Amino acid sequence: MSTDTSKDAAAPGISPAGTTRATIAARFERLPLSRWHVTVRLIVGVVTFFEAFDQLLIAYALPELRDEWQLSTGDATAVLTVGSAGMLVGALLSGRLADRYGRVKVIAYCVAASGLVSLALTACTSLTPFLALRFVQGLAIGGEVPVAAAFISEITRSFKRGRFVLLYELVFPAGLTIGALVAAWVVPAAGWRVMFAVAAVPGLLAFLVQRGVPESPRWLAERGRLDEADAVMTEIEAKVSAATGEPLPHPSAAAPTAQEPAAVATATPAERAATGPRGLFTGRYRRRTLVVGAIWFTGYFVNYGVTSWLPSIYKDEYGLTLSDALLYSTVTSVAGLLGCLVVALTVDVLGRRRIFAICLGASAALLLTLAALGAGTPAQVLIWTSLSAVGFFGSNICLYLYTPELYPTRMRALGCSVGGAVNRLGVILGPILVGVVYAAGDSVAAVFVMLGTVALVGAVVAGTLAEETANRPLEEISP
């Protein structure tokens, strides 16, 4: 291996004999952003885009399903939440599987299963098989999203990691938004079955993932497969070097902390050995798990409490036509996408903790203002919920960046999957409690009081207890 500290042109990698978890991390730290990173981000991003597309369809199909199958309020709530229950279970299972068998395999299998189930949903003629299939599809969607977040974090260096990861994560709210736009046009014109048929096509992307995306070298090294980690890392380095047209800097020059990061030096023996579900509650990871879990829950409680019921509220409370109700709801989703973009461009400057506190705090203020105004007209609901969506969408997308940073490679996917499971609790309870308050209350304003209060709790927890991780190597943050 060359001893030149400025370049290593002859051999971008280092020999298998010298490969360790620390050297793999150092080699990632010296990689400049390149076409290779963008290509992998695009492939995984397209998969995540269509998982989001599938997830939102149920909210836009619900008004038609209620008429077609004469669903009660309880039935409608079950339709909205059964997929989320599947996602909760899928998230918990996928983290363990991805930490044991690899990130890319789990992603590919999940997207294939989601596509097949979406096709099967088009044949449903009654509620019971529909609910069963939506639960299975939830298993797949819930499994893919957190594992993909862990994978993207692991192939990214620390400098401006927030912007890179969140520009990838934008595909999820983009999928929600485009799904809303397409559904608002297709469902009234062609029916809900056509939408689920369209959503089945991307299942073919599973083959693209398997062929076009390498396994995470960080994960391979963590599993003791050092020769494979070195081979994959060497291939990545060669592609990055070819894309940039420049030799890569020497790993030790690019990442001087790789040999013994400060966090590793100060970690307790229990923290260094922490793994599995118990590891998430060992030492420093206990507080991280509780804090990030609270932010996941409150953010998604508000998000889905608002977006899942908006089409039905517009239609039933204010007498809008189905087309208008879906259009109004789509505006809120578009506003949320704008919030995600703003967060992606500012998260490395403001930091994760400030983003959570600002976004959730602003959402709380806006929702409580809407409640104080009485939510008397659909225009009021449209304006204030859309402004609030800028905040809670922005906070929620940041969680897909923040959570993988809080855990070491050996339990990173598990940590992400637990976060995904907790967010499913919010996704399930949000629509349920909104349904209860909406059905029992004299005014829809009570719904927004509840949602604003939950957002405020999330803002306080984040602002006072969240740990800052911006621009720090993963191995330094999480020993």
Protein backbone atom coordinates (compact mmCIF):
# COMPACT_ATOMS: atom_id res chain seq x y z
CA MET A 1 0.00 0.00 0.00
CA SER A 2 1.27 3.45 -0.83
CA THR A 3 2.51 5.62 2.04
CA ASP A 4 1.67 8.86 0.21
CA THR A 5 -0.77 10.79 2.44
CA SER A 6 -2.30 12.80 -0.40
CA LYS A 7 -3.24 10.06 -2.84
CA ASP A 8 -3.27 6.36 -3.50
CA ALA A 9 -3.62 6.30 -7.26
CA ALA A 10 -2.25 2.84 -7.87
CA ALA A 11 -4.72 1.09 -5.57
CA PRO A 12 -7.71 3.07 -4.28
CA GLY A 13 -8.42 0.40 -1.64
CA ILE A 14 -6.28 -1.28 0.97
CA SER A 15 -5.38 -4.92 1.25
CA PRO A 16 -7.74 -7.43 2.82
CA ALA A 17 -5.10 -8.10 5.46
CA GLY A 18 -5.40 -4.50 6.61
CA THR A 19 -9.18 -4.32 6.50
CA THR A 20 -11.02 -3.61 9.75
CA ARG A 21 -14.25 -1.91 10.66
CA ALA A 22 -12.28 1.26 11.37
CA THR A 23 -10.51 1.24 8.00
CA ILE A 24 -13.78 0.70 6.13
CA ALA A 25 -15.18 3.75 7.92
CA ALA A 26 -12.05 5.75 7.09
CA ARG A 27 -12.26 4.77 3.44
CA PHE A 28 -15.85 6.00 3.26
CA GLU A 29 -14.89 9.28 4.93
CA ARG A 30 -12.40 10.06 2.15
CA LEU A 31 -14.88 9.48 -0.71
CA PRO A 32 -16.11 12.66 -2.41
CA LEU A 33 -19.72 12.81 -3.58
CA SER A 34 -19.84 11.23 -7.02
CA ARG A 35 -22.01 9.73 -9.74
CA TRP A 36 -21.80 6.37 -7.93
CA HIS A 37 -23.42 7.79 -4.80
CA VAL A 38 -26.14 9.46 -6.85
CA THR A 39 -26.82 6.27 -8.84
CA VAL A 40 -27.24 4.11 -5.73
CA ARG A 41 -29.32 6.81 -4.09
CA LEU A 42 -31.52 6.90 -7.19
CA ILE A 43 -32.07 3.13 -7.35
CA VAL A 44 -32.94 2.80 -3.67
CA GLY A 45 -34.87 6.06 -3.89
CA VAL A 46 -37.12 4.81 -6.68
CA VAL A 47 -37.99 1.78 -4.55
CA THR A 48 -38.79 3.96 -1.54
CA PHE A 49 -40.80 6.33 -3.77
CA PHE A 50 -43.19 3.57 -4.76
CA GLU A 51 -43.48 2.24 -1.22
CA ALA A 52 -44.68 5.72 -0.22
CA PHE A 53 -46.98 5.75 -3.25
CA ASP A 54 -48.57 2.49 -2.07
CA GLN A 55 -48.88 3.68 1.51
CA LEU A 56 -50.95 6.78 0.74
CA LEU A 57 -53.38 5.20 -1.71
CA ILE A 58 -55.69 3.96 1.02
CA ALA A 59 -56.59 7.48 2.20
CA TYR A 60 -57.69 8.42 -1.32
CA ALA A 61 -59.48 5.15 -1.95
CA LEU A 62 -61.36 5.28 1.36
CA PRO A 63 -64.26 7.58 0.35
CA GLU A 64 -65.06 5.29 -2.60
CA LEU A 65 -64.61 2.13 -0.52
CA ARG A 66 -67.04 3.48 2.10
CA ASP A 67 -69.71 3.95 -0.56
CA GLU A 68 -69.02 0.67 -2.39
CA TRP A 69 -68.92 -1.59 0.68
CA GLN A 70 -71.16 0.49 2.99
CA LEU A 71 -68.44 0.82 5.61
CA SER A 72 -69.16 2.12 9.10
CA THR A 73 -66.83 4.58 10.82
CA GLY A 74 -65.22 1.64 12.62
CA ASP A 75 -64.71 -0.22 9.34
CA ALA A 76 -63.17 2.89 7.77
CA THR A 77 -60.80 3.28 10.68
CA ALA A 78 -59.76 -0.38 10.29
CA VAL A 79 -59.06 0.18 6.59
CA LEU A 80 -56.86 3.17 7.44
CA THR A 81 -54.93 1.46 10.22
CA VAL A 82 -54.52 -2.23 9.31
CA GLY A 83 -51.69 -1.46 6.90
CA SER A 84 -49.97 0.51 9.63
CA ALA A 85 -50.30 -2.45 11.98
CA GLY A 86 -48.56 -4.57 9.36
CA MET A 87 -45.88 -1.91 8.98
CA LEU A 88 -45.26 -1.97 12.72
CA VAL A 89 -44.65 -5.72 12.67
CA GLY A 90 -42.68 -5.52 9.42
CA ALA A 91 -40.41 -2.82 10.80
CA LEU A 92 -39.59 -4.88 13.89
CA LEU A 93 -38.86 -8.00 11.86
CA SER A 94 -36.86 -6.32 9.11
CA GLY A 95 -34.35 -4.70 11.43
CA ARG A 96 -33.27 -8.01 12.93
CA LEU A 97 -33.19 -9.62 9.49
CA ALA A 98 -31.17 -6.79 7.93
CA ASP A 99 -28.64 -6.80 10.77
CA ARG A 100 -28.24 -10.56 10.33
CA TYR A 101 -28.60 -11.20 6.58
CA GLY A 102 -27.85 -7.86 4.91
CA ARG A 103 -29.52 -4.61 3.95
CA VAL A 104 -29.92 -5.14 0.21
CA LYS A 105 -31.60 -8.56 0.41
CA VAL A 106 -34.25 -7.29 2.80
CA ILE A 107 -34.95 -4.22 0.66
CA ALA A 108 -35.36 -6.32 -2.51
CA TYR A 109 -37.63 -8.94 -0.95
CA CYS A 110 -39.84 -6.31 0.65
CA VAL A 111 -40.44 -4.36 -2.56
CA ALA A 112 -41.24 -7.56 -4.49
CA ALA A 113 -43.79 -8.63 -1.88
CA SER A 114 -45.41 -5.19 -1.80
CA GLY A 115 -45.93 -5.21 -5.57
CA LEU A 116 -47.49 -8.67 -5.59
CA VAL A 117 -49.92 -7.80 -2.80
CA SER A 118 -50.92 -4.56 -4.50
CA LEU A 119 -51.93 -6.58 -7.55
CA ALA A 120 -53.93 -8.98 -5.39
CA LEU A 121 -55.82 -6.08 -3.80
CA THR A 122 -57.41 -5.24 -7.15
CA ALA A 123 -59.36 -8.52 -7.00
CA CYS A 124 -60.95 -7.83 -3.59
CA THR A 125 -64.74 -7.55 -3.49
CA SER A 126 -65.29 -7.36 0.28
CA LEU A 127 -63.71 -5.93 3.39
CA THR A 128 -62.18 -9.01 5.05
CA PRO A 129 -59.73 -10.12 2.31
CA PHE A 130 -58.89 -6.48 1.67
CA LEU A 131 -57.86 -5.99 5.30
CA ALA A 132 -55.80 -9.19 5.30
CA LEU A 133 -53.89 -8.17 2.17
CA ARG A 134 -53.33 -4.64 3.41
CA PHE A 135 -51.76 -6.09 6.57
CA VAL A 136 -49.37 -8.21 4.48
CA GLN A 137 -48.52 -5.24 2.29
CA GLY A 138 -47.84 -3.26 5.45
CA LEU A 139 -45.30 -5.90 6.49
CA ALA A 140 -43.38 -5.26 3.26
CA ILE A 141 -43.56 -1.46 3.29
CA GLY A 142 -42.69 -1.29 6.97
CA GLY A 143 -39.73 -3.57 6.35
CA GLU A 144 -38.24 -1.69 3.41
CA VAL A 145 -38.29 1.93 4.54
CA PRO A 146 -36.19 1.82 7.76
CA VAL A 147 -33.65 -0.62 6.29
CA ALA A 148 -33.19 1.63 3.26
CA ALA A 149 -32.56 4.58 5.60
CA ALA A 150 -29.88 2.61 7.45
CA PHE A 151 -28.24 1.58 4.17
CA ILE A 152 -28.07 5.10 2.71
CA SER A 153 -26.51 6.42 5.92
CA GLU A 154 -23.86 3.69 5.83
CA ILE A 155 -22.60 4.59 2.35
CA THR A 156 -22.28 8.30 3.14
CA ARG A 157 -19.44 10.24 4.73
CA SER A 158 -20.06 12.56 7.67
CA PHE A 159 -19.50 15.92 5.91
CA LYS A 160 -22.90 17.21 4.77
CA ARG A 161 -24.40 13.77 5.38
CA GLY A 162 -27.69 15.39 6.32
CA ARG A 163 -28.19 17.03 2.95
CA PHE A 164 -27.19 13.91 0.99
CA VAL A 165 -29.41 11.55 2.98
CA LEU A 166 -32.42 13.86 3.09
CA LEU A 167 -32.29 14.57 -0.63
CA TYR A 168 -32.68 10.80 -0.94
CA GLU A 169 -35.41 10.73 1.69
CA LEU A 170 -37.33 13.36 -0.28
CA VAL A 171 -38.47 10.53 -2.51
CA PHE A 172 -40.80 9.33 0.26
CA PRO A 173 -42.86 12.53 0.62
CA ALA A 174 -42.54 12.92 -3.15
CA GLY A 175 -44.15 9.49 -3.48
CA LEU A 176 -46.89 10.58 -1.09
CA THR A 177 -47.43 13.79 -3.05
CA ILE A 178 -47.41 12.24 -6.52
CA GLY A 179 -49.57 9.42 -5.23
CA ALA A 180 -52.01 12.06 -4.01
CA LEU A 181 -51.97 13.89 -7.35
CA VAL A 182 -52.47 10.72 -9.36
CA ALA A 183 -55.12 9.35 -7.01
CA ALA A 184 -57.05 12.63 -7.01
CA TRP A 185 -57.39 12.24 -10.77
CA VAL A 186 -57.57 8.46 -11.27
CA VAL A 187 -59.85 7.38 -8.39
CA PRO A 188 -62.85 9.52 -9.39
CA ALA A 189 -62.30 8.71 -13.09
CA ALA A 190 -61.38 5.01 -13.07
CA GLY A 191 -61.89 3.70 -9.54
CA TRP A 192 -59.61 2.58 -6.72
CA ARG A 193 -58.70 -0.77 -8.30
CA VAL A 194 -56.86 0.90 -11.15
CA MET A 195 -54.69 2.78 -8.68
CA PHE A 196 -53.64 -0.42 -6.91
CA ALA A 197 -52.91 -2.05 -10.26
CA VAL A 198 -50.58 0.82 -11.15
CA ALA A 199 -48.89 0.50 -7.76
CA ALA A 200 -48.14 -3.20 -8.43
CA VAL A 201 -45.85 -2.54 -11.40
CA PRO A 202 -42.84 -1.27 -9.39
CA GLY A 203 -42.48 -4.69 -7.74
CA LEU A 204 -40.24 -5.46 -10.69
CA LEU A 205 -37.70 -3.05 -9.20
CA ALA A 206 -36.63 -5.79 -6.83
CA PHE A 207 -34.44 -7.20 -9.60
CA LEU A 208 -32.80 -3.81 -10.17
CA VAL A 209 -31.94 -3.53 -6.48
CA GLN A 210 -30.35 -6.98 -6.37
CA ARG A 211 -28.26 -6.36 -9.50
CA GLY A 212 -27.40 -2.66 -9.16
CA VAL A 213 -26.81 -2.04 -5.44
CA PRO A 214 -23.83 -3.47 -3.51
CA GLU A 215 -24.14 -4.70 0.04
CA SER A 216 -23.04 -2.23 2.73
CA PRO A 217 -19.27 -2.65 3.36
CA ARG A 218 -19.80 -1.37 6.89
CA TRP A 219 -22.26 -4.19 7.53
CA LEU A 220 -19.99 -6.80 5.92
CA ALA A 221 -17.07 -5.69 8.10
CA GLU A 222 -19.25 -5.72 11.22
CA ARG A 223 -20.24 -9.33 10.46
CA GLY A 224 -16.56 -10.30 10.18
CA ARG A 225 -16.71 -10.74 6.39
CA LEU A 226 -13.65 -8.56 5.92
CA ASP A 227 -12.52 -9.92 2.56
CA GLU A 228 -15.97 -9.24 1.09
CA ALA A 229 -16.04 -5.80 2.70
CA ASP A 230 -12.66 -4.99 1.19
CA ALA A 231 -13.70 -6.25 -2.26
CA VAL A 232 -16.93 -4.23 -2.29
CA MET A 233 -15.17 -1.17 -0.90
CA THR A 234 -12.40 -1.44 -3.52
CA GLU A 235 -15.03 -1.63 -6.29
CA ILE A 236 -16.82 1.43 -4.89
CA GLU A 237 -13.55 3.36 -4.65
CA ALA A 238 -12.68 2.52 -8.23
CA LYS A 239 -16.07 3.75 -9.45
CA VAL A 240 -15.82 6.95 -7.42
CA SER A 241 -12.29 7.62 -8.62
CA ALA A 242 -13.33 7.03 -12.24
CA ALA A 243 -16.37 9.27 -11.85
CA THR A 244 -14.41 12.16 -10.35
CA GLY A 245 -11.30 11.71 -12.51
CA GLU A 246 -9.14 12.21 -9.43
CA PRO A 247 -7.09 9.86 -7.21
CA LEU A 248 -8.56 9.41 -3.78
CA PRO A 249 -6.84 10.79 -0.66
CA HIS A 250 -5.30 8.29 1.72
CA PRO A 251 -7.84 7.03 4.28
CA SER A 252 -5.80 8.06 7.32
CA ALA A 253 -5.45 11.60 5.95
CA ALA A 254 -9.14 11.88 5.20
CA ALA A 255 -10.31 10.47 8.55
CA PRO A 256 -7.73 10.80 11.30
CA THR A 257 -10.19 9.60 13.95
CA ALA A 258 -10.69 6.22 12.27
CA GLN A 259 -8.21 4.31 14.45
CA GLU A 260 -9.78 5.23 17.79
CA PRO A 261 -12.78 7.60 17.62
CA ALA A 262 -13.36 9.65 20.75
CA ALA A 263 -16.72 8.00 21.36
CA VAL A 264 -15.10 4.56 21.26
CA ALA A 265 -12.39 5.66 23.66
CA THR A 266 -14.95 6.86 26.21
CA ALA A 267 -17.51 4.08 25.72
CA THR A 268 -18.18 1.69 28.56
CA PRO A 269 -17.61 -2.04 28.02
CA ALA A 270 -21.39 -2.55 28.07
CA GLU A 271 -21.88 0.06 25.34
CA ARG A 272 -19.18 -1.48 23.17
CA ALA A 273 -20.82 -4.88 23.51
CA ALA A 274 -24.41 -3.63 23.15
CA THR A 275 -26.38 -5.46 20.51
CA GLY A 276 -29.92 -6.66 19.82
CA PRO A 277 -33.07 -5.26 21.44
CA ARG A 278 -31.42 -5.10 24.86
CA GLY A 279 -28.57 -3.08 23.38
CA LEU A 280 -30.98 -0.31 22.40
CA PHE A 281 -31.50 0.33 26.12
CA THR A 282 -27.86 0.00 27.24
CA GLY A 283 -25.84 3.02 28.40
CA ARG A 284 -26.12 6.06 26.14
CA TYR A 285 -28.44 4.20 23.79
CA ARG A 286 -31.27 4.08 26.35
CA ARG A 287 -31.82 7.82 26.32
CA ARG A 288 -31.42 7.97 22.55
CA THR A 289 -34.01 5.25 22.02
CA LEU A 290 -36.56 6.88 24.32
CA VAL A 291 -36.07 10.38 22.89
CA VAL A 292 -36.12 9.43 19.22
CA GLY A 293 -39.07 7.13 19.89
CA ALA A 294 -41.03 10.05 21.36
CA ILE A 295 -40.26 12.19 18.31
CA TRP A 296 -41.24 9.38 15.92
CA PHE A 297 -44.52 8.85 17.75
CA THR A 298 -45.61 12.46 18.07
CA GLY A 299 -44.57 13.46 14.54
CA TYR A 300 -46.39 10.62 12.84
CA PHE A 301 -49.40 10.80 15.15
CA VAL A 302 -49.93 14.36 13.90
CA ASN A 303 -49.00 13.59 10.29
CA TYR A 304 -51.44 10.74 9.80
CA GLY A 305 -54.03 12.15 12.14
CA VAL A 306 -54.25 15.06 9.73
CA THR A 307 -53.70 13.49 6.29
CA SER A 308 -55.68 10.27 6.73
CA TRP A 309 -58.91 12.02 7.68
CA LEU A 310 -58.71 15.20 5.60
CA PRO A 311 -60.49 13.81 2.50
CA SER A 312 -63.36 12.47 4.61
CA ILE A 313 -63.57 15.63 6.76
CA TYR A 314 -63.76 17.84 3.67
CA LYS A 315 -66.44 15.61 2.15
CA ASP A 316 -68.57 14.95 5.26
CA GLU A 317 -68.08 18.11 7.35
CA TYR A 318 -68.04 20.73 4.62
CA GLY A 319 -69.98 19.00 1.83
CA LEU A 320 -67.23 19.09 -0.79
CA THR A 321 -67.41 16.73 -3.74
CA LEU A 322 -65.02 13.79 -3.78
CA SER A 323 -62.85 15.47 -6.42
CA ASP A 324 -62.63 18.72 -4.46
CA ALA A 325 -61.97 16.88 -1.18
CA LEU A 326 -59.07 14.99 -2.75
CA LEU A 327 -57.73 18.16 -4.37
CA TYR A 328 -57.76 20.09 -1.09
CA SER A 329 -55.97 17.20 0.63
CA THR A 330 -53.38 17.13 -2.12
CA VAL A 331 -52.48 20.77 -1.49
CA THR A 332 -51.56 19.84 2.07
CA SER A 333 -49.31 17.02 0.82
CA VAL A 334 -47.58 19.38 -1.62
CA ALA A 335 -46.96 21.86 1.19
CA GLY A 336 -45.44 19.05 3.24
CA LEU A 337 -43.08 18.19 0.39
CA LEU A 338 -41.90 21.82 0.37
CA GLY A 339 -41.16 21.54 4.09
CA CYS A 340 -39.07 18.42 3.45
CA LEU A 341 -37.00 20.25 0.84
CA VAL A 342 -36.36 23.17 3.19
CA VAL A 343 -35.20 20.79 5.92
CA ALA A 344 -32.93 18.87 3.53
CA LEU A 345 -31.16 22.10 2.56
CA THR A 346 -30.76 23.44 6.11
CA VAL A 347 -30.30 20.40 8.38
CA ASP A 348 -26.48 20.44 8.31
CA VAL A 349 -26.46 24.14 9.22
CA LEU A 350 -29.21 24.25 11.86
CA GLY A 351 -28.58 20.76 13.21
CA ARG A 352 -31.00 17.93 13.90
CA ARG A 353 -32.21 19.06 17.33
CA ARG A 354 -33.15 22.57 16.19
CA ILE A 355 -34.94 21.21 13.14
CA PHE A 356 -37.16 18.98 15.30
CA ALA A 357 -37.91 21.71 17.83
CA ILE A 358 -38.66 24.39 15.21
CA CYS A 359 -40.74 22.18 12.91
CA LEU A 360 -42.87 20.51 15.57
CA GLY A 361 -43.22 23.73 17.55
CA ALA A 362 -44.42 25.63 14.49
CA SER A 363 -46.87 22.84 13.60
CA ALA A 364 -48.28 22.92 17.13
CA ALA A 365 -48.79 26.68 16.99
CA LEU A 366 -50.50 26.52 13.60
CA LEU A 367 -52.87 23.68 14.50
CA LEU A 368 -53.84 25.31 17.78
CA THR A 369 -54.46 28.57 15.91
CA LEU A 370 -56.76 26.72 13.50
CA ALA A 371 -58.66 25.29 16.47
CA ALA A 372 -58.95 28.75 18.05
CA LEU A 373 -60.39 30.11 14.80
CA GLY A 374 -63.02 27.37 14.92
CA ALA A 375 -62.11 25.58 11.66
CA GLY A 376 -65.37 26.97 10.33
CA THR A 377 -64.67 26.77 6.60
CA PRO A 378 -62.79 24.37 4.29
CA ALA A 379 -60.55 27.28 3.26
CA GLN A 380 -59.42 27.76 6.86
CA VAL A 381 -58.64 24.07 7.22
CA LEU A 382 -56.78 24.07 3.91
CA ILE A 383 -54.57 27.05 4.77
CA TRP A 384 -53.66 26.16 8.34
CA THR A 385 -53.19 22.42 7.87
CA SER A 386 -51.03 23.06 4.79
CA LEU A 387 -48.80 25.48 6.71
CA SER A 388 -48.60 22.98 9.55
CA ALA A 389 -47.68 20.20 7.13
CA VAL A 390 -44.52 22.12 6.20
CA GLY A 391 -43.42 21.55 9.80
CA PHE A 392 -44.49 18.01 10.58
CA PHE A 393 -43.42 16.63 7.19
CA GLY A 394 -40.05 18.36 7.64
CA SER A 395 -39.56 16.95 11.12
CA ASN A 396 -40.56 13.46 10.10
CA ILE A 397 -38.22 13.25 7.14
CA CYS A 398 -35.34 14.31 9.39
CA LEU A 399 -35.95 11.24 11.55
CA TYR A 400 -34.81 9.00 8.69
CA LEU A 401 -31.46 10.78 8.84
CA TYR A 402 -31.21 11.10 12.61
CA THR A 403 -32.14 7.59 13.74
CA PRO A 404 -29.39 5.69 11.82
CA GLU A 405 -26.83 8.10 13.28
CA LEU A 406 -27.74 7.14 16.86
CA TYR A 407 -26.78 3.45 16.66
CA PRO A 408 -23.67 1.44 15.70
CA THR A 409 -23.62 -0.73 12.56
CA ARG A 410 -24.25 -3.94 14.52
CA MET A 411 -27.71 -2.71 15.54
CA ARG A 412 -28.33 0.22 13.20
CA ALA A 413 -31.06 -1.45 11.15
CA LEU A 414 -32.69 -2.68 14.36
CA GLY A 415 -32.64 0.85 15.80
CA CYS A 416 -34.19 2.19 12.60
CA SER A 417 -36.81 -0.54 12.59
CA VAL A 418 -37.79 0.15 16.20
CA GLY A 419 -38.14 3.81 15.24
CA GLY A 420 -40.28 2.70 12.32
CA ALA A 421 -42.39 0.55 14.63
CA VAL A 422 -42.95 3.42 17.07
CA ASN A 423 -43.96 5.68 14.20
CA ARG A 424 -46.49 3.02 13.23
CA LEU A 425 -47.98 3.33 16.70
CA GLY A 426 -48.42 7.02 15.98
CA VAL A 427 -49.81 6.26 12.53
CA ILE A 428 -52.30 3.80 14.02
CA LEU A 429 -53.36 5.82 17.06
CA GLY A 430 -53.47 9.15 15.24
CA PRO A 431 -56.28 8.21 12.83
CA ILE A 432 -58.07 6.17 15.52
CA LEU A 433 -58.17 9.00 18.06
CA VAL A 434 -58.99 11.58 15.38
CA GLY A 435 -61.89 9.33 14.38
CA VAL A 436 -63.06 9.08 17.99
CA VAL A 437 -62.81 12.83 18.65
CA TYR A 438 -64.35 13.67 15.27
CA ALA A 439 -67.28 11.30 15.79
CA ALA A 440 -67.93 12.41 19.38
CA GLY A 441 -67.26 16.15 19.16
CA ASP A 442 -69.58 18.99 18.28
CA SER A 443 -66.86 20.71 16.27
CA VAL A 444 -63.97 19.56 14.12
CA ALA A 445 -61.85 22.13 15.99
CA ALA A 446 -61.44 19.60 18.81
CA VAL A 447 -59.46 17.41 16.44
CA PHE A 448 -56.91 20.17 15.85
CA VAL A 449 -56.60 20.91 19.59
CA MET A 450 -55.56 17.31 20.15
CA LEU A 451 -53.14 17.25 17.21
CA GLY A 452 -51.57 20.58 18.18
CA THR A 453 -51.02 19.41 21.74
CA VAL A 454 -49.27 16.22 20.61
CA ALA A 455 -47.00 18.23 18.29
CA LEU A 456 -46.10 20.53 21.19
CA VAL A 457 -45.05 17.55 23.33
CA GLY A 458 -42.75 16.37 20.54
CA ALA A 459 -41.20 19.83 20.19
CA VAL A 460 -40.43 20.05 23.91
CA VAL A 461 -38.87 16.57 24.04
CA ALA A 462 -36.69 17.25 21.00
CA GLY A 463 -35.61 20.71 22.08
CA THR A 464 -34.58 19.65 25.57
CA LEU A 465 -33.37 16.05 25.26
CA ALA A 466 -32.23 15.27 21.69
CA GLU A 467 -28.48 14.82 21.08
CA GLU A 468 -26.85 16.71 18.19
CA THR A 469 -25.15 14.54 15.54
CA ALA A 470 -24.55 16.86 12.58
CA ASN A 471 -21.31 16.39 10.58
CA ARG A 472 -19.89 13.69 12.88
CA PRO A 473 -18.71 10.26 11.64
CA LEU A 474 -21.08 7.42 12.44
CA GLU A 475 -18.38 5.54 14.37
CA GLU A 476 -17.72 8.61 16.53
CA ILE A 477 -21.39 9.11 17.39
CA SER A 478 -22.12 5.46 18.10
CA PRO A 479 -19.30 3.22 19.41
